Amino acid sequence: MQPEEAIEAARRRAAELRAQGIYPPVAPDPGPPAVTDPDPGQLHEWALIEPDLREVRSTRRYGAPMTAFKRTLLRLLGQYLGQIISQQSRFNVHLLIRVRALEQRVEELERLRDEQ
């Protein structure tokens, strides 16, 4: 039996078993989950980067020395990483402000269009 024939045979057999009530009927595909727009406060919270340094650890079997090394390295690179994090947070907040301004502009234009 060829793979294409096996697929068709399996589909026919499944259809027979469904007709007999052995297999449950095929459920319709629910589609992608509904996406809700986050509120502005949530967006602002997401824009600010605040890494939790307690999360720096190793999950290896004897990970204590590796965890100590990672935390030491993080302390040594702290100023450099702090500058990168603050630059990224500033960019995120400015981008968020710009997106909000554009949303308000679109809403205003749609309102004006609907009034005409």
C-alpha atoms as a PDB file:
ATOM      1  CA  MET A   1       0.000   0.000   0.000  1.00  0.00           C
ATOM      2  CA  GLN A   2       1.311   3.467  -0.907  1.00  0.00           C
ATOM      3  CA  PRO A   3       1.314   6.329   1.642  1.00  0.00           C
ATOM      4  CA  GLU A   4      -1.427   8.165  -0.257  1.00  0.00           C
ATOM      5  CA  GLU A   5      -3.572   5.011  -0.209  1.00  0.00           C
ATOM      6  CA  ALA A   6      -2.897   4.512   3.517  1.00  0.00           C
ATOM      7  CA  ILE A   7      -4.107   8.023   4.315  1.00  0.00           C
ATOM      8  CA  GLU A   8      -7.312   7.517   2.367  1.00  0.00           C
ATOM      9  CA  ALA A   9      -7.863   4.080   3.940  1.00  0.00           C
ATOM     10  CA  ALA A  10      -7.384   5.560   7.429  1.00  0.00           C
ATOM     11  CA  ARG A  11      -9.841   8.359   6.650  1.00  0.00           C
ATOM     12  CA  ARG A  12     -12.432   5.875   5.381  1.00  0.00           C
ATOM     13  CA  ARG A  13     -11.985   3.660   8.453  1.00  0.00           C
ATOM     14  CA  ALA A  14     -12.290   6.662  10.793  1.00  0.00           C
ATOM     15  CA  ALA A  15     -15.467   7.758   8.981  1.00  0.00           C
ATOM     16  CA  GLU A  16     -16.919   4.237   9.405  1.00  0.00           C
ATOM     17  CA  LEU A  17     -16.089   4.239  13.131  1.00  0.00           C
ATOM     18  CA  ARG A  18     -17.639   7.693  13.525  1.00  0.00           C
ATOM     19  CA  ALA A  19     -20.780   6.440  11.791  1.00  0.00           C
ATOM     20  CA  GLN A  20     -20.923   3.550  14.286  1.00  0.00           C
ATOM     21  CA  GLY A  21     -20.489   5.998  17.169  1.00  0.00           C
ATOM     22  CA  ILE A  22     -17.125   4.607  18.255  1.00  0.00           C
ATOM     23  CA  TYR A  23     -15.217   7.773  17.334  1.00  0.00           C
ATOM     24  CA  PRO A  24     -16.605  11.154  18.358  1.00  0.00           C
ATOM     25  CA  PRO A  25     -17.605  13.480  15.532  1.00  0.00           C
ATOM     26  CA  VAL A  26     -14.989  15.839  14.230  1.00  0.00           C
ATOM     27  CA  ALA A  27     -15.152  19.133  16.092  1.00  0.00           C
ATOM     28  CA  PRO A  28     -15.091  22.274  13.982  1.00  0.00           C
ATOM     29  CA  ASP A  29     -11.846  24.230  14.038  1.00  0.00           C
ATOM     30  CA  PRO A  30     -12.301  27.063  16.566  1.00  0.00           C
ATOM     31  CA  GLY A  31      -9.792  29.210  14.708  1.00  0.00           C
ATOM     32  CA  PRO A  32      -7.232  31.460  16.310  1.00  0.00           C
ATOM     33  CA  PRO A  33      -7.908  32.742  19.813  1.00  0.00           C
ATOM     34  CA  ALA A  34      -9.513  36.135  20.122  1.00  0.00           C
ATOM     35  CA  VAL A  35      -6.959  38.895  20.527  1.00  0.00           C
ATOM     36  CA  THR A  36      -7.883  41.714  22.857  1.00  0.00           C
ATOM     37  CA  ASP A  37      -6.190  45.065  22.815  1.00  0.00           C
ATOM     38  CA  PRO A  38      -4.212  45.676  25.993  1.00  0.00           C
ATOM     39  CA  ASP A  39      -5.128  48.763  27.952  1.00  0.00           C
ATOM     40  CA  PRO A  40      -2.720  51.746  27.851  1.00  0.00           C
ATOM     41  CA  GLY A  41      -1.454  51.030  31.361  1.00  0.00           C
ATOM     42  CA  GLN A  42      -0.482  47.499  30.356  1.00  0.00           C
ATOM     43  CA  LEU A  43       1.313  48.782  27.258  1.00  0.00           C
ATOM     44  CA  HIS A  44       3.240  51.287  29.349  1.00  0.00           C
ATOM     45  CA  GLU A  45       4.211  48.539  31.786  1.00  0.00           C
ATOM     46  CA  TRP A  46       5.440  46.351  28.926  1.00  0.00           C
ATOM     47  CA  ALA A  47       7.447  49.226  27.439  1.00  0.00           C
ATOM     48  CA  LEU A  48       9.644  49.531  30.525  1.00  0.00           C
ATOM     49  CA  ILE A  49      12.310  46.873  30.764  1.00  0.00           C
ATOM     50  CA  GLU A  50      13.004  45.763  34.320  1.00  0.00           C
ATOM     51  CA  PRO A  51      14.910  42.484  34.381  1.00  0.00           C
ATOM     52  CA  ASP A  52      14.671  40.475  37.576  1.00  0.00           C
ATOM     53  CA  LEU A  53      18.255  39.695  38.527  1.00  0.00           C
ATOM     54  CA  ARG A  54      17.075  36.934  40.849  1.00  0.00           C
ATOM     55  CA  GLU A  55      16.174  34.988  37.707  1.00  0.00           C
ATOM     56  CA  VAL A  56      19.881  34.632  36.856  1.00  0.00           C
ATOM     57  CA  ARG A  57      20.694  31.050  37.735  1.00  0.00           C
ATOM     58  CA  SER A  58      21.854  27.808  36.232  1.00  0.00           C
ATOM     59  CA  THR A  59      19.617  24.769  35.981  1.00  0.00           C
ATOM     60  CA  ARG A  60      22.460  22.306  35.469  1.00  0.00           C
ATOM     61  CA  ARG A  61      23.149  19.452  37.827  1.00  0.00           C
ATOM     62  CA  TYR A  62      25.980  21.257  39.631  1.00  0.00           C
ATOM     63  CA  GLY A  63      24.824  24.725  38.706  1.00  0.00           C
ATOM     64  CA  ALA A  64      25.873  26.659  41.824  1.00  0.00           C
ATOM     65  CA  PRO A  65      29.326  27.597  40.460  1.00  0.00           C
ATOM     66  CA  MET A  66      27.796  28.588  37.116  1.00  0.00           C
ATOM     67  CA  THR A  67      25.150  30.685  38.888  1.00  0.00           C
ATOM     68  CA  ALA A  68      27.866  32.449  40.886  1.00  0.00           C
ATOM     69  CA  PHE A  69      29.816  33.097  37.675  1.00  0.00           C
ATOM     70  CA  LYS A  70      26.751  34.484  35.898  1.00  0.00           C
ATOM     71  CA  ARG A  71      25.893  36.803  38.776  1.00  0.00           C
ATOM     72  CA  THR A  72      29.495  38.016  39.020  1.00  0.00           C
ATOM     73  CA  LEU A  73      29.557  38.659  35.286  1.00  0.00           C
ATOM     74  CA  LEU A  74      26.260  40.522  35.561  1.00  0.00           C
ATOM     75  CA  ARG A  75      27.703  42.701  38.353  1.00  0.00           C
ATOM     76  CA  LEU A  76      30.805  43.447  36.268  1.00  0.00           C
ATOM     77  CA  LEU A  77      28.743  44.356  33.205  1.00  0.00           C
ATOM     78  CA  GLY A  78      26.040  46.144  35.201  1.00  0.00           C
ATOM     79  CA  GLN A  79      26.778  49.659  33.981  1.00  0.00           C
ATOM     80  CA  TYR A  80      26.937  48.582  30.347  1.00  0.00           C
ATOM     81  CA  LEU A  81      23.737  46.530  30.609  1.00  0.00           C
ATOM     82  CA  GLY A  82      22.004  49.336  32.522  1.00  0.00           C
ATOM     83  CA  GLN A  83      22.730  51.770  29.691  1.00  0.00           C
ATOM     84  CA  ILE A  84      21.392  49.362  27.076  1.00  0.00           C
ATOM     85  CA  ILE A  85      18.261  48.647  29.113  1.00  0.00           C
ATOM     86  CA  SER A  86      17.583  52.358  29.679  1.00  0.00           C
ATOM     87  CA  GLN A  87      18.067  53.147  25.975  1.00  0.00           C
ATOM     88  CA  GLN A  88      15.698  50.364  24.971  1.00  0.00           C
ATOM     89  CA  SER A  89      13.116  51.445  27.562  1.00  0.00           C
ATOM     90  CA  ARG A  90      13.294  55.057  26.337  1.00  0.00           C
ATOM     91  CA  PHE A  91      12.817  53.899  22.756  1.00  0.00           C
ATOM     92  CA  ASN A  92       9.859  51.710  23.756  1.00  0.00           C
ATOM     93  CA  VAL A  93       8.150  54.563  25.633  1.00  0.00           C
ATOM     94  CA  HIS A  94       8.688  57.059  22.774  1.00  0.00           C
ATOM     95  CA  LEU A  95       7.378  54.520  20.294  1.00  0.00           C
ATOM     96  CA  LEU A  96       4.344  53.911  22.493  1.00  0.00           C
ATOM     97  CA  ILE A  97       3.664  57.662  22.683  1.00  0.00           C
ATOM     98  CA  ARG A  98       3.945  57.933  18.897  1.00  0.00           C
ATOM     99  CA  VAL A  99       1.603  54.999  18.325  1.00  0.00           C
ATOM    100  CA  ARG A 100      -0.967  56.485  20.709  1.00  0.00           C
ATOM    101  CA  ALA A 101      -0.759  59.825  18.869  1.00  0.00           C
ATOM    102  CA  LEU A 102      -1.313  58.057  15.548  1.00  0.00           C
ATOM    103  CA  GLU A 103      -4.280  56.131  16.983  1.00  0.00           C
ATOM    104  CA  GLN A 104      -5.848  59.385  18.159  1.00  0.00           C
ATOM    105  CA  ARG A 105      -5.228  60.942  14.747  1.00  0.00           C
ATOM    106  CA  VAL A 106      -6.899  58.015  12.981  1.00  0.00           C
ATOM    107  CA  GLU A 107      -9.867  58.177  15.361  1.00  0.00           C
ATOM    108  CA  GLU A 108     -10.229  61.916  14.696  1.00  0.00           C
ATOM    109  CA  LEU A 109     -10.060  61.398  10.924  1.00  0.00           C
ATOM    110  CA  GLU A 110     -12.626  58.583  11.112  1.00  0.00           C
ATOM    111  CA  ARG A 111     -14.902  60.801  13.202  1.00  0.00           C
ATOM    112  CA  LEU A 112     -14.605  63.616  10.646  1.00  0.00           C
ATOM    113  CA  ARG A 113     -15.300  61.170   7.809  1.00  0.00           C
ATOM    114  CA  ASP A 114     -18.399  59.817   9.552  1.00  0.00           C
ATOM    115  CA  GLU A 115     -19.743  63.341  10.155  1.00  0.00           C
ATOM    116  CA  GLN A 116     -19.720  64.132   6.440  1.00  0.00           C
END
